[in-house]
N, C-alpha and C. Protein backbone atom coordinates (compact mmCIF):
# COMPACT_ATOMS: atom_id res chain seq x y z
N MET A 1 -24.81 28.76 -74.97
CA MET A 1 -24.91 30.09 -75.59
C MET A 1 -23.80 30.22 -76.63
N ARG A 2 -24.03 29.66 -77.79
CA ARG A 2 -23.04 29.65 -78.85
C ARG A 2 -22.71 31.08 -79.27
N GLY A 3 -21.41 31.36 -79.42
CA GLY A 3 -20.98 32.69 -79.82
C GLY A 3 -20.97 33.70 -78.70
N PHE A 4 -21.24 33.26 -77.47
CA PHE A 4 -21.29 34.16 -76.31
C PHE A 4 -20.05 33.88 -75.47
N GLY A 5 -19.17 34.87 -75.38
CA GLY A 5 -17.92 34.68 -74.67
C GLY A 5 -17.60 35.81 -73.71
N VAL A 6 -16.32 35.99 -73.44
CA VAL A 6 -15.86 36.95 -72.43
C VAL A 6 -16.32 38.37 -72.75
N GLN A 7 -16.09 38.83 -73.95
CA GLN A 7 -16.43 40.22 -74.28
C GLN A 7 -17.94 40.46 -74.23
N GLU A 8 -18.70 39.49 -74.68
CA GLU A 8 -20.16 39.62 -74.64
C GLU A 8 -20.66 39.66 -73.19
N LEU A 9 -20.06 38.84 -72.33
CA LEU A 9 -20.46 38.82 -70.93
C LEU A 9 -20.07 40.11 -70.23
N LEU A 10 -18.88 40.64 -70.52
CA LEU A 10 -18.47 41.92 -69.94
C LEU A 10 -19.42 43.05 -70.37
N ALA A 11 -19.87 43.00 -71.62
CA ALA A 11 -20.81 44.01 -72.10
C ALA A 11 -22.13 43.92 -71.34
N CYS A 12 -22.53 42.69 -71.00
CA CYS A 12 -23.75 42.51 -70.21
C CYS A 12 -23.59 43.14 -68.84
N TYR A 13 -22.49 42.85 -68.16
CA TYR A 13 -22.25 43.42 -66.84
C TYR A 13 -22.23 44.95 -66.91
N ALA A 14 -21.65 45.50 -67.94
CA ALA A 14 -21.53 46.95 -68.07
C ALA A 14 -22.89 47.63 -68.20
N ARG A 15 -23.90 46.89 -68.63
CA ARG A 15 -25.24 47.48 -68.75
C ARG A 15 -26.20 46.94 -67.69
N GLY A 16 -25.67 46.25 -66.68
CA GLY A 16 -26.49 45.83 -65.55
C GLY A 16 -27.18 44.50 -65.70
N VAL A 17 -26.68 43.64 -66.58
CA VAL A 17 -27.30 42.35 -66.85
C VAL A 17 -26.32 41.25 -66.45
N PHE A 18 -26.84 40.15 -65.90
CA PHE A 18 -25.97 39.05 -65.50
C PHE A 18 -26.63 37.71 -65.84
N PRO A 19 -25.83 36.64 -65.99
CA PRO A 19 -26.37 35.33 -66.39
C PRO A 19 -26.71 34.45 -65.21
N MET A 20 -27.70 33.61 -65.37
CA MET A 20 -28.06 32.58 -64.41
C MET A 20 -28.70 31.41 -65.14
N ALA A 21 -28.65 30.24 -64.52
CA ALA A 21 -29.37 29.07 -65.03
C ALA A 21 -30.47 28.71 -64.05
N GLU A 22 -31.49 28.01 -64.53
CA GLU A 22 -32.58 27.58 -63.65
C GLU A 22 -32.09 26.57 -62.62
N SER A 23 -31.16 25.71 -63.02
CA SER A 23 -30.64 24.69 -62.12
C SER A 23 -29.31 24.18 -62.64
N ARG A 24 -28.64 23.42 -61.83
CA ARG A 24 -27.35 22.86 -62.21
C ARG A 24 -27.46 21.95 -63.44
N SER A 25 -28.58 21.27 -63.57
CA SER A 25 -28.75 20.30 -64.66
C SER A 25 -29.35 20.90 -65.93
N ASP A 26 -29.82 22.13 -65.86
CA ASP A 26 -30.43 22.79 -67.01
C ASP A 26 -29.33 23.43 -67.85
N SER A 27 -29.25 23.08 -69.12
CA SER A 27 -28.17 23.59 -69.98
C SER A 27 -28.40 25.02 -70.46
N ARG A 28 -29.60 25.55 -70.24
CA ARG A 28 -29.91 26.90 -70.72
C ARG A 28 -29.34 27.95 -69.77
N VAL A 29 -29.00 29.12 -70.33
CA VAL A 29 -28.51 30.26 -69.55
C VAL A 29 -29.39 31.46 -69.87
N TYR A 30 -29.85 32.14 -68.83
CA TYR A 30 -30.70 33.31 -69.00
C TYR A 30 -29.95 34.57 -68.57
N LEU A 31 -30.28 35.68 -69.20
CA LEU A 31 -29.73 36.98 -68.82
C LEU A 31 -30.78 37.74 -68.03
N LEU A 32 -30.43 38.19 -66.84
CA LEU A 32 -31.37 38.83 -65.93
C LEU A 32 -31.03 40.30 -65.70
N GLU A 33 -32.08 41.09 -65.53
CA GLU A 33 -31.95 42.50 -65.14
C GLU A 33 -33.08 42.81 -64.17
N PRO A 34 -32.90 42.50 -62.89
CA PRO A 34 -33.97 42.69 -61.90
C PRO A 34 -34.35 44.16 -61.73
N ASP A 35 -35.58 44.39 -61.28
CA ASP A 35 -36.04 45.75 -61.02
C ASP A 35 -35.33 46.37 -59.82
N GLU A 36 -34.87 45.52 -58.91
CA GLU A 36 -34.12 45.99 -57.73
C GLU A 36 -32.81 45.22 -57.64
N ARG A 37 -31.79 45.90 -57.07
CA ARG A 37 -30.47 45.28 -56.97
C ARG A 37 -29.96 45.37 -55.54
N GLY A 38 -29.18 44.36 -55.17
CA GLY A 38 -28.51 44.39 -53.88
C GLY A 38 -27.10 44.92 -54.05
N VAL A 39 -26.70 45.82 -53.16
CA VAL A 39 -25.34 46.36 -53.15
C VAL A 39 -24.86 46.46 -51.71
N ILE A 40 -23.56 46.33 -51.52
CA ILE A 40 -22.95 46.59 -50.21
C ILE A 40 -22.14 47.85 -50.34
N PRO A 41 -22.54 48.93 -49.68
CA PRO A 41 -21.76 50.18 -49.74
C PRO A 41 -20.36 49.96 -49.18
N LEU A 42 -19.35 50.25 -49.97
CA LEU A 42 -17.99 50.01 -49.53
C LEU A 42 -17.56 50.93 -48.40
N ASP A 43 -18.26 52.06 -48.27
CA ASP A 43 -17.96 52.97 -47.16
C ASP A 43 -18.90 52.73 -45.97
N GLY A 44 -19.74 51.69 -46.05
CA GLY A 44 -20.66 51.40 -44.97
C GLY A 44 -20.73 49.92 -44.65
N PHE A 45 -19.63 49.21 -44.93
CA PHE A 45 -19.58 47.78 -44.67
C PHE A 45 -19.56 47.53 -43.16
N HIS A 46 -20.46 46.67 -42.71
CA HIS A 46 -20.57 46.38 -41.27
C HIS A 46 -20.02 44.99 -40.98
N ILE A 47 -19.12 44.91 -40.01
CA ILE A 47 -18.57 43.63 -39.59
C ILE A 47 -19.12 43.30 -38.21
N PRO A 48 -19.98 42.28 -38.09
CA PRO A 48 -20.53 41.91 -36.79
C PRO A 48 -19.42 41.63 -35.77
N LYS A 49 -19.72 41.89 -34.52
CA LYS A 49 -18.71 41.77 -33.46
C LYS A 49 -18.07 40.40 -33.41
N SER A 50 -18.89 39.35 -33.51
CA SER A 50 -18.33 37.99 -33.44
C SER A 50 -17.39 37.72 -34.61
N LEU A 51 -17.72 38.28 -35.79
CA LEU A 51 -16.86 38.08 -36.95
C LEU A 51 -15.55 38.85 -36.81
N ARG A 52 -15.62 40.00 -36.20
CA ARG A 52 -14.39 40.76 -35.93
C ARG A 52 -13.40 39.92 -35.11
N LYS A 53 -13.94 39.22 -34.13
CA LYS A 53 -13.09 38.38 -33.29
C LYS A 53 -12.46 37.26 -34.11
N THR A 54 -13.24 36.68 -35.03
CA THR A 54 -12.72 35.62 -35.88
C THR A 54 -11.61 36.14 -36.78
N VAL A 55 -11.83 37.31 -37.38
CA VAL A 55 -10.81 37.92 -38.24
C VAL A 55 -9.56 38.24 -37.44
N ARG A 56 -9.77 38.78 -36.24
CA ARG A 56 -8.65 39.24 -35.41
C ARG A 56 -7.73 38.10 -34.99
N ARG A 57 -8.28 36.92 -34.80
CA ARG A 57 -7.44 35.80 -34.34
C ARG A 57 -6.86 34.98 -35.49
N ASP A 58 -6.97 35.50 -36.71
CA ASP A 58 -6.40 34.83 -37.88
C ASP A 58 -6.85 33.38 -37.98
N ALA A 59 -8.15 33.16 -37.91
CA ALA A 59 -8.68 31.80 -37.95
C ALA A 59 -8.48 31.16 -39.32
N PHE A 60 -8.35 31.99 -40.37
CA PHE A 60 -8.19 31.47 -41.73
C PHE A 60 -7.05 32.19 -42.44
N ALA A 61 -6.34 31.45 -43.25
CA ALA A 61 -5.35 32.04 -44.16
C ALA A 61 -6.07 32.44 -45.43
N LEU A 62 -5.78 33.61 -45.95
CA LEU A 62 -6.50 34.15 -47.10
C LEU A 62 -5.59 34.25 -48.32
N THR A 63 -6.10 33.82 -49.46
CA THR A 63 -5.36 33.89 -50.70
C THR A 63 -6.26 34.44 -51.81
N VAL A 64 -5.64 34.77 -52.93
CA VAL A 64 -6.36 35.33 -54.07
C VAL A 64 -6.03 34.51 -55.32
N ASN A 65 -7.07 34.04 -56.00
CA ASN A 65 -6.91 33.35 -57.29
C ASN A 65 -6.03 32.11 -57.22
N ARG A 66 -5.95 31.47 -56.07
CA ARG A 66 -5.13 30.27 -55.97
C ARG A 66 -5.82 29.05 -56.59
N CYS A 67 -7.14 28.99 -56.47
CA CYS A 67 -7.86 27.82 -57.02
C CYS A 67 -9.26 28.26 -57.46
N PHE A 68 -9.29 29.12 -58.47
CA PHE A 68 -10.54 29.72 -58.93
C PHE A 68 -11.56 28.66 -59.31
N GLU A 69 -11.17 27.69 -60.12
CA GLU A 69 -12.13 26.70 -60.56
C GLU A 69 -12.71 25.90 -59.40
N THR A 70 -11.87 25.56 -58.43
CA THR A 70 -12.36 24.83 -57.26
C THR A 70 -13.36 25.65 -56.49
N VAL A 71 -13.13 26.95 -56.38
CA VAL A 71 -14.07 27.83 -55.67
C VAL A 71 -15.42 27.84 -56.39
N VAL A 72 -15.41 28.01 -57.70
CA VAL A 72 -16.67 28.04 -58.46
C VAL A 72 -17.40 26.70 -58.34
N ARG A 73 -16.67 25.61 -58.47
CA ARG A 73 -17.30 24.29 -58.35
C ARG A 73 -17.85 24.07 -56.94
N SER A 74 -17.17 24.59 -55.94
CA SER A 74 -17.65 24.46 -54.56
C SER A 74 -18.91 25.29 -54.34
N CYS A 75 -18.97 26.44 -54.99
CA CYS A 75 -20.19 27.26 -54.90
C CYS A 75 -21.37 26.57 -55.57
N ALA A 76 -21.09 25.77 -56.59
CA ALA A 76 -22.16 25.08 -57.32
C ALA A 76 -22.57 23.76 -56.67
N ALA A 77 -21.73 23.25 -55.78
CA ALA A 77 -21.99 21.93 -55.18
C ALA A 77 -23.16 21.98 -54.20
N PRO A 78 -23.90 20.89 -54.05
CA PRO A 78 -25.00 20.85 -53.07
C PRO A 78 -24.48 21.09 -51.66
N ALA A 79 -25.27 21.83 -50.87
CA ALA A 79 -24.94 22.11 -49.48
C ALA A 79 -26.24 22.24 -48.71
N PRO A 80 -26.22 22.07 -47.39
CA PRO A 80 -27.45 22.23 -46.60
C PRO A 80 -28.12 23.58 -46.85
N GLY A 81 -29.39 23.53 -47.24
CA GLY A 81 -30.11 24.76 -47.55
C GLY A 81 -29.90 25.25 -48.96
N ARG A 82 -29.02 24.57 -49.70
CA ARG A 82 -28.75 24.95 -51.09
C ARG A 82 -28.48 23.67 -51.88
N GLU A 83 -29.54 22.90 -52.07
CA GLU A 83 -29.38 21.61 -52.73
C GLU A 83 -29.13 21.76 -54.22
N ASP A 84 -29.66 22.82 -54.81
CA ASP A 84 -29.46 23.05 -56.24
C ASP A 84 -28.66 24.33 -56.44
N SER A 85 -28.31 24.65 -57.68
CA SER A 85 -27.48 25.81 -57.96
C SER A 85 -27.86 26.41 -59.30
N TRP A 86 -27.61 27.73 -59.44
CA TRP A 86 -27.82 28.39 -60.72
C TRP A 86 -26.57 28.28 -61.60
N ILE A 87 -25.51 27.65 -61.09
CA ILE A 87 -24.25 27.52 -61.83
C ILE A 87 -24.26 26.18 -62.57
N ASN A 88 -24.48 26.22 -63.87
CA ASN A 88 -24.43 24.99 -64.67
C ASN A 88 -23.09 24.91 -65.41
N ASP A 89 -22.91 23.90 -66.24
CA ASP A 89 -21.62 23.72 -66.92
C ASP A 89 -21.29 24.88 -67.84
N GLN A 90 -22.29 25.43 -68.49
CA GLN A 90 -22.06 26.55 -69.40
C GLN A 90 -21.57 27.78 -68.64
N ILE A 91 -22.18 28.04 -67.51
CA ILE A 91 -21.76 29.19 -66.70
C ILE A 91 -20.37 28.96 -66.13
N LEU A 92 -20.09 27.74 -65.69
CA LEU A 92 -18.74 27.42 -65.21
C LEU A 92 -17.71 27.72 -66.29
N THR A 93 -17.97 27.28 -67.51
CA THR A 93 -17.02 27.52 -68.60
C THR A 93 -16.84 29.01 -68.87
N LEU A 94 -17.94 29.77 -68.85
CA LEU A 94 -17.86 31.21 -69.07
C LEU A 94 -16.95 31.88 -68.03
N TYR A 95 -17.11 31.51 -66.77
CA TYR A 95 -16.33 32.18 -65.73
C TYR A 95 -14.89 31.70 -65.70
N LEU A 96 -14.63 30.47 -66.12
CA LEU A 96 -13.25 30.04 -66.27
C LEU A 96 -12.56 30.85 -67.36
N ASP A 97 -13.28 31.12 -68.44
CA ASP A 97 -12.73 31.96 -69.51
C ASP A 97 -12.52 33.40 -69.01
N MET A 98 -13.46 33.89 -68.22
CA MET A 98 -13.33 35.24 -67.65
C MET A 98 -12.12 35.32 -66.74
N HIS A 99 -11.91 34.28 -65.97
CA HIS A 99 -10.75 34.25 -65.07
C HIS A 99 -9.44 34.22 -65.86
N ALA A 100 -9.41 33.39 -66.89
CA ALA A 100 -8.21 33.30 -67.73
C ALA A 100 -7.88 34.63 -68.39
N ALA A 101 -8.93 35.42 -68.66
CA ALA A 101 -8.74 36.73 -69.29
C ALA A 101 -8.48 37.84 -68.26
N GLY A 102 -8.48 37.49 -66.97
CA GLY A 102 -8.16 38.46 -65.93
C GLY A 102 -9.33 39.27 -65.41
N HIS A 103 -10.56 38.84 -65.72
CA HIS A 103 -11.73 39.61 -65.31
C HIS A 103 -12.52 39.00 -64.16
N ALA A 104 -12.21 37.77 -63.79
CA ALA A 104 -12.91 37.11 -62.68
C ALA A 104 -11.88 36.65 -61.66
N HIS A 105 -12.22 36.82 -60.38
CA HIS A 105 -11.27 36.55 -59.30
C HIS A 105 -11.94 35.76 -58.18
N SER A 106 -11.11 35.05 -57.46
CA SER A 106 -11.59 34.33 -56.28
C SER A 106 -10.77 34.72 -55.07
N ILE A 107 -11.41 34.64 -53.91
CA ILE A 107 -10.71 34.77 -52.63
C ILE A 107 -10.97 33.48 -51.87
N GLU A 108 -9.89 32.88 -51.39
CA GLU A 108 -9.99 31.60 -50.69
C GLU A 108 -9.64 31.77 -49.21
N ALA A 109 -10.35 31.04 -48.37
CA ALA A 109 -10.06 30.99 -46.93
C ALA A 109 -9.64 29.56 -46.60
N TRP A 110 -8.47 29.42 -45.99
CA TRP A 110 -7.89 28.10 -45.71
C TRP A 110 -7.77 27.87 -44.21
N LYS A 111 -7.96 26.63 -43.82
CA LYS A 111 -7.78 26.25 -42.42
C LYS A 111 -7.04 24.93 -42.37
N ASP A 112 -5.92 24.92 -41.67
CA ASP A 112 -5.08 23.72 -41.56
C ASP A 112 -4.72 23.16 -42.94
N GLY A 113 -4.46 24.07 -43.88
CA GLY A 113 -4.04 23.67 -45.21
C GLY A 113 -5.14 23.19 -46.13
N LYS A 114 -6.39 23.24 -45.67
CA LYS A 114 -7.52 22.80 -46.49
C LYS A 114 -8.44 23.98 -46.82
N LEU A 115 -9.01 23.94 -48.01
CA LEU A 115 -9.91 25.01 -48.43
C LEU A 115 -11.17 24.97 -47.58
N ALA A 116 -11.43 26.05 -46.82
CA ALA A 116 -12.55 26.10 -45.89
C ALA A 116 -13.72 26.92 -46.40
N GLY A 117 -13.47 27.75 -47.39
CA GLY A 117 -14.53 28.60 -47.92
C GLY A 117 -13.95 29.59 -48.89
N GLY A 118 -14.83 30.35 -49.52
CA GLY A 118 -14.36 31.34 -50.47
C GLY A 118 -15.50 31.98 -51.23
N LEU A 119 -15.12 32.82 -52.17
CA LEU A 119 -16.09 33.52 -53.01
C LEU A 119 -15.43 33.84 -54.34
N TYR A 120 -16.25 34.20 -55.31
CA TYR A 120 -15.71 34.65 -56.59
C TYR A 120 -16.63 35.69 -57.19
N GLY A 121 -16.09 36.45 -58.13
CA GLY A 121 -16.88 37.47 -58.79
C GLY A 121 -16.13 38.06 -59.96
N VAL A 122 -16.73 39.08 -60.56
CA VAL A 122 -16.23 39.70 -61.78
C VAL A 122 -15.83 41.14 -61.49
N SER A 123 -14.69 41.54 -62.03
CA SER A 123 -14.20 42.90 -61.87
C SER A 123 -14.26 43.62 -63.21
N LEU A 124 -14.84 44.82 -63.20
CA LEU A 124 -14.93 45.63 -64.41
C LEU A 124 -14.79 47.09 -64.01
N GLY A 125 -13.67 47.72 -64.38
CA GLY A 125 -13.42 49.09 -63.95
C GLY A 125 -13.37 49.16 -62.44
N GLY A 126 -14.22 50.01 -61.86
CA GLY A 126 -14.30 50.12 -60.41
C GLY A 126 -15.53 49.45 -59.83
N ALA A 127 -16.07 48.48 -60.56
CA ALA A 127 -17.23 47.71 -60.09
C ALA A 127 -16.81 46.26 -59.89
N PHE A 128 -17.29 45.66 -58.80
CA PHE A 128 -17.07 44.24 -58.58
C PHE A 128 -18.43 43.58 -58.39
N PHE A 129 -18.66 42.51 -59.15
CA PHE A 129 -19.93 41.82 -59.14
C PHE A 129 -19.75 40.50 -58.40
N GLY A 130 -20.20 40.46 -57.15
CA GLY A 130 -20.08 39.24 -56.36
C GLY A 130 -21.02 38.18 -56.89
N GLU A 131 -20.50 37.01 -57.22
CA GLU A 131 -21.31 35.97 -57.83
C GLU A 131 -21.81 34.95 -56.82
N SER A 132 -20.92 34.35 -56.06
CA SER A 132 -21.35 33.32 -55.12
C SER A 132 -20.25 33.09 -54.09
N MET A 133 -20.63 32.44 -52.98
CA MET A 133 -19.67 32.10 -51.94
C MET A 133 -20.05 30.75 -51.33
N PHE A 134 -19.11 30.15 -50.63
CA PHE A 134 -19.39 28.87 -49.98
C PHE A 134 -18.56 28.76 -48.71
N SER A 135 -19.01 27.90 -47.80
CA SER A 135 -18.29 27.64 -46.55
C SER A 135 -18.30 26.16 -46.23
N ARG A 136 -17.16 25.66 -45.82
CA ARG A 136 -17.06 24.32 -45.26
C ARG A 136 -16.76 24.39 -43.76
N GLU A 137 -16.36 25.59 -43.31
CA GLU A 137 -16.10 25.86 -41.90
C GLU A 137 -16.84 27.12 -41.52
N THR A 138 -17.33 27.19 -40.29
CA THR A 138 -18.06 28.36 -39.82
C THR A 138 -17.27 29.64 -40.05
N ASP A 139 -17.90 30.62 -40.67
CA ASP A 139 -17.36 31.97 -40.89
C ASP A 139 -16.32 32.05 -42.01
N ALA A 140 -16.01 30.95 -42.68
CA ALA A 140 -14.97 31.00 -43.71
C ALA A 140 -15.33 31.96 -44.84
N SER A 141 -16.54 31.86 -45.37
CA SER A 141 -16.94 32.74 -46.48
C SER A 141 -17.10 34.18 -45.99
N LYS A 142 -17.48 34.36 -44.73
CA LYS A 142 -17.63 35.70 -44.19
C LYS A 142 -16.28 36.41 -44.09
N VAL A 143 -15.27 35.67 -43.66
CA VAL A 143 -13.93 36.25 -43.60
C VAL A 143 -13.43 36.57 -45.01
N ALA A 144 -13.75 35.71 -45.98
CA ALA A 144 -13.41 36.00 -47.37
C ALA A 144 -14.08 37.28 -47.83
N LEU A 145 -15.32 37.51 -47.41
CA LEU A 145 -16.03 38.74 -47.77
C LEU A 145 -15.35 39.96 -47.15
N VAL A 146 -14.94 39.85 -45.90
CA VAL A 146 -14.20 40.95 -45.27
C VAL A 146 -12.94 41.27 -46.08
N SER A 147 -12.24 40.22 -46.47
CA SER A 147 -11.03 40.40 -47.28
C SER A 147 -11.35 41.06 -48.61
N LEU A 148 -12.45 40.66 -49.23
CA LEU A 148 -12.85 41.27 -50.50
C LEU A 148 -13.10 42.76 -50.35
N VAL A 149 -13.87 43.14 -49.33
CA VAL A 149 -14.19 44.56 -49.15
C VAL A 149 -12.92 45.37 -48.90
N ALA A 150 -12.02 44.85 -48.09
CA ALA A 150 -10.74 45.54 -47.85
C ALA A 150 -9.99 45.72 -49.17
N ARG A 151 -10.00 44.68 -49.98
CA ARG A 151 -9.30 44.72 -51.28
C ARG A 151 -9.94 45.74 -52.22
N LEU A 152 -11.25 45.79 -52.25
CA LEU A 152 -11.94 46.73 -53.13
C LEU A 152 -11.72 48.17 -52.68
N ASN A 153 -11.76 48.39 -51.39
CA ASN A 153 -11.49 49.74 -50.88
C ASN A 153 -10.07 50.17 -51.20
N ALA A 154 -9.12 49.27 -50.98
CA ALA A 154 -7.72 49.61 -51.24
C ALA A 154 -7.47 49.87 -52.72
N GLY A 155 -8.23 49.18 -53.57
CA GLY A 155 -8.02 49.30 -55.01
C GLY A 155 -8.79 50.41 -55.68
N GLY A 156 -9.58 51.17 -54.93
CA GLY A 156 -10.31 52.29 -55.50
C GLY A 156 -11.61 51.94 -56.19
N TYR A 157 -12.23 50.85 -55.77
CA TYR A 157 -13.53 50.47 -56.34
C TYR A 157 -14.64 51.35 -55.76
N ALA A 158 -15.74 51.45 -56.50
CA ALA A 158 -16.87 52.28 -56.07
C ALA A 158 -18.16 51.49 -55.91
N LEU A 159 -18.20 50.25 -56.39
CA LEU A 159 -19.46 49.50 -56.37
C LEU A 159 -19.19 48.03 -56.08
N LEU A 160 -19.90 47.49 -55.09
CA LEU A 160 -19.91 46.05 -54.83
C LEU A 160 -21.34 45.58 -55.02
N ASP A 161 -21.57 44.90 -56.12
CA ASP A 161 -22.90 44.41 -56.51
C ASP A 161 -23.09 43.01 -55.97
N THR A 162 -24.20 42.79 -55.25
CA THR A 162 -24.53 41.44 -54.76
C THR A 162 -25.70 40.84 -55.54
N GLN A 163 -26.12 41.50 -56.61
CA GLN A 163 -27.24 41.08 -57.46
C GLN A 163 -28.56 41.15 -56.70
N PHE A 164 -28.75 40.25 -55.73
CA PHE A 164 -29.95 40.27 -54.91
C PHE A 164 -29.54 40.54 -53.46
N ASN A 165 -30.48 41.04 -52.67
CA ASN A 165 -30.22 41.25 -51.25
C ASN A 165 -30.84 40.09 -50.46
N THR A 166 -30.21 39.73 -49.37
CA THR A 166 -30.72 38.66 -48.50
C THR A 166 -30.57 39.07 -47.05
N GLU A 167 -31.25 38.37 -46.17
CA GLU A 167 -31.11 38.65 -44.74
C GLU A 167 -29.66 38.45 -44.30
N HIS A 168 -29.00 37.47 -44.87
CA HIS A 168 -27.59 37.22 -44.55
C HIS A 168 -26.74 38.43 -44.92
N LEU A 169 -26.93 38.97 -46.12
CA LEU A 169 -26.12 40.09 -46.57
C LEU A 169 -26.46 41.39 -45.83
N LYS A 170 -27.69 41.52 -45.38
CA LYS A 170 -28.08 42.72 -44.64
C LYS A 170 -27.27 42.89 -43.36
N ARG A 171 -26.78 41.78 -42.81
CA ARG A 171 -25.94 41.85 -41.61
C ARG A 171 -24.65 42.62 -41.87
N PHE A 172 -24.27 42.69 -43.14
CA PHE A 172 -23.03 43.38 -43.51
C PHE A 172 -23.30 44.78 -44.07
N GLY A 173 -24.55 45.22 -44.00
CA GLY A 173 -24.89 46.56 -44.48
C GLY A 173 -25.43 46.60 -45.89
N ALA A 174 -25.75 45.44 -46.47
CA ALA A 174 -26.27 45.41 -47.84
C ALA A 174 -27.59 46.18 -47.94
N GLN A 175 -27.77 46.85 -49.06
CA GLN A 175 -28.97 47.64 -49.31
C GLN A 175 -29.63 47.20 -50.61
N THR A 176 -30.91 47.48 -50.72
CA THR A 176 -31.64 47.24 -51.96
C THR A 176 -31.90 48.58 -52.62
N ILE A 177 -31.50 48.72 -53.87
CA ILE A 177 -31.72 49.97 -54.60
C ILE A 177 -32.44 49.67 -55.91
N SER A 178 -33.02 50.69 -56.51
CA SER A 178 -33.73 50.51 -57.77
C SER A 178 -32.74 50.24 -58.90
N GLN A 179 -33.23 49.60 -59.93
CA GLN A 179 -32.38 49.34 -61.09
C GLN A 179 -31.89 50.65 -61.70
N HIS A 180 -32.73 51.70 -61.67
CA HIS A 180 -32.33 53.00 -62.22
C HIS A 180 -31.14 53.57 -61.45
N LEU A 181 -31.22 53.56 -60.12
CA LEU A 181 -30.12 54.08 -59.31
C LEU A 181 -28.89 53.20 -59.47
N TYR A 182 -29.12 51.91 -59.56
CA TYR A 182 -28.00 50.99 -59.76
C TYR A 182 -27.27 51.31 -61.06
N ARG A 183 -28.01 51.54 -62.12
CA ARG A 183 -27.39 51.84 -63.41
C ARG A 183 -26.58 53.12 -63.34
N GLU A 184 -27.07 54.11 -62.60
CA GLU A 184 -26.30 55.35 -62.45
C GLU A 184 -24.97 55.09 -61.76
N ARG A 185 -25.01 54.32 -60.69
CA ARG A 185 -23.78 54.00 -59.96
C ARG A 185 -22.86 53.12 -60.80
N LEU A 186 -23.45 52.19 -61.52
CA LEU A 186 -22.67 51.29 -62.37
C LEU A 186 -21.95 52.07 -63.46
N ASP A 187 -22.65 52.98 -64.12
CA ASP A 187 -22.06 53.76 -65.20
C ASP A 187 -20.84 54.54 -64.71
N GLN A 188 -20.94 55.07 -63.50
CA GLN A 188 -19.81 55.81 -62.93
C GLN A 188 -18.67 54.88 -62.55
N ALA A 189 -19.02 53.73 -61.97
CA ALA A 189 -18.00 52.82 -61.45
C ALA A 189 -17.16 52.19 -62.56
N VAL A 190 -17.80 51.79 -63.66
CA VAL A 190 -17.05 51.07 -64.70
C VAL A 190 -16.04 51.98 -65.40
N GLU A 191 -16.18 53.29 -65.24
CA GLU A 191 -15.23 54.23 -65.85
C GLU A 191 -13.96 54.38 -65.03
N LEU A 192 -13.95 53.86 -63.80
CA LEU A 192 -12.79 53.99 -62.93
C LEU A 192 -11.71 52.98 -63.32
N ASN A 193 -10.49 53.32 -62.96
CA ASN A 193 -9.35 52.42 -63.20
C ASN A 193 -8.93 51.81 -61.87
N ALA A 194 -9.71 50.87 -61.37
CA ALA A 194 -9.45 50.28 -60.06
C ALA A 194 -8.43 49.13 -60.18
N ASP A 195 -7.83 48.79 -59.05
CA ASP A 195 -6.78 47.76 -59.03
C ASP A 195 -7.14 46.70 -57.99
N PHE A 196 -7.52 45.51 -58.46
CA PHE A 196 -7.92 44.43 -57.56
C PHE A 196 -6.75 43.93 -56.72
N PHE A 197 -5.54 44.17 -57.17
CA PHE A 197 -4.36 43.64 -56.48
C PHE A 197 -3.61 44.71 -55.68
N ALA A 198 -4.26 45.83 -55.39
CA ALA A 198 -3.60 46.89 -54.63
C ALA A 198 -3.29 46.45 -53.21
N LEU A 199 -4.12 45.59 -52.64
CA LEU A 199 -3.90 45.09 -51.28
C LEU A 199 -3.04 43.83 -51.35
N PRO A 200 -1.94 43.79 -50.62
CA PRO A 200 -1.10 42.58 -50.63
C PRO A 200 -1.89 41.35 -50.18
N GLU A 201 -1.56 40.20 -50.73
CA GLU A 201 -2.32 38.99 -50.45
C GLU A 201 -2.29 38.59 -48.98
N GLY A 202 -1.19 38.82 -48.28
CA GLY A 202 -1.04 38.31 -46.92
C GLY A 202 -1.72 39.12 -45.83
N VAL A 203 -2.43 40.19 -46.18
CA VAL A 203 -3.06 41.03 -45.16
C VAL A 203 -4.16 40.25 -44.45
N ALA A 204 -4.09 40.21 -43.10
CA ALA A 204 -5.07 39.46 -42.31
C ALA A 204 -5.14 40.06 -40.92
N GLY A 205 -6.00 39.49 -40.08
CA GLY A 205 -6.09 39.89 -38.68
C GLY A 205 -6.40 41.37 -38.49
N ASP A 206 -5.77 41.97 -37.49
CA ASP A 206 -5.99 43.39 -37.20
C ASP A 206 -5.65 44.27 -38.39
N GLN A 207 -4.64 43.89 -39.15
CA GLN A 207 -4.25 44.68 -40.31
C GLN A 207 -5.37 44.71 -41.34
N LEU A 208 -6.07 43.60 -41.49
CA LEU A 208 -7.19 43.55 -42.43
C LEU A 208 -8.33 44.44 -41.95
N LEU A 209 -8.66 44.38 -40.66
CA LEU A 209 -9.71 45.23 -40.12
C LEU A 209 -9.34 46.71 -40.23
N GLN A 210 -8.09 47.03 -39.97
CA GLN A 210 -7.64 48.41 -40.05
C GLN A 210 -7.69 48.94 -41.47
N SER A 211 -7.42 48.08 -42.44
CA SER A 211 -7.44 48.51 -43.83
C SER A 211 -8.85 48.91 -44.25
N ILE A 212 -9.86 48.26 -43.70
CA ILE A 212 -11.24 48.64 -43.99
C ILE A 212 -11.58 49.95 -43.29
N THR A 213 -11.17 50.09 -42.04
CA THR A 213 -11.45 51.32 -41.29
C THR A 213 -10.80 52.53 -41.94
N GLN A 214 -9.58 52.37 -42.42
CA GLN A 214 -8.83 53.47 -42.99
C GLN A 214 -9.37 53.94 -44.33
N THR A 215 -10.01 53.02 -45.07
CA THR A 215 -10.44 53.36 -46.43
C THR A 215 -11.94 53.53 -46.56
N SER A 216 -12.70 53.28 -45.48
CA SER A 216 -14.16 53.38 -45.60
C SER A 216 -14.66 54.58 -44.80
């Protein structure tokens, strides 16, 4: 996408449009605006009981923006049930540029000093657009999601966009809404002055769970 960079991509997000590729090997990038959108209400985030136990025992160390490129590449890598990816080289480059400009962030989950899972997405005003996640250890990406929601609540965000809804995301309270309703919420959210770094990086365990309870 020659001539398409950070500002153009931010403008797309601001109007409810996001990029995807057909496959990892396809060099083309498409801009999508689905009729329905997946969102996780930040005041209605559900943490399954078994996951609460995992968070409570500090099974993973959590960091922010420590290895953004590795997280994106891990999300694009083949995995059981996800042999292909919508993240091609062009999209990787776009999000590396977004990260360098301070608009894209990653959350990493570590176990025994090794990257066990994580997620990344785009921040714009008080909206966060979750792009993708990956796990190498059971529950690693789920704990990263818990950390993300706590961070968004602490920072004054109003919208967590998951693009599409899935059975996996429904376990956390994800909802499907119309594109019209999504645009209304998006327009309000992007006007906010939210802070992705309001929550200290080291928050974990019971403190992480409490931070969600206190702000949701």
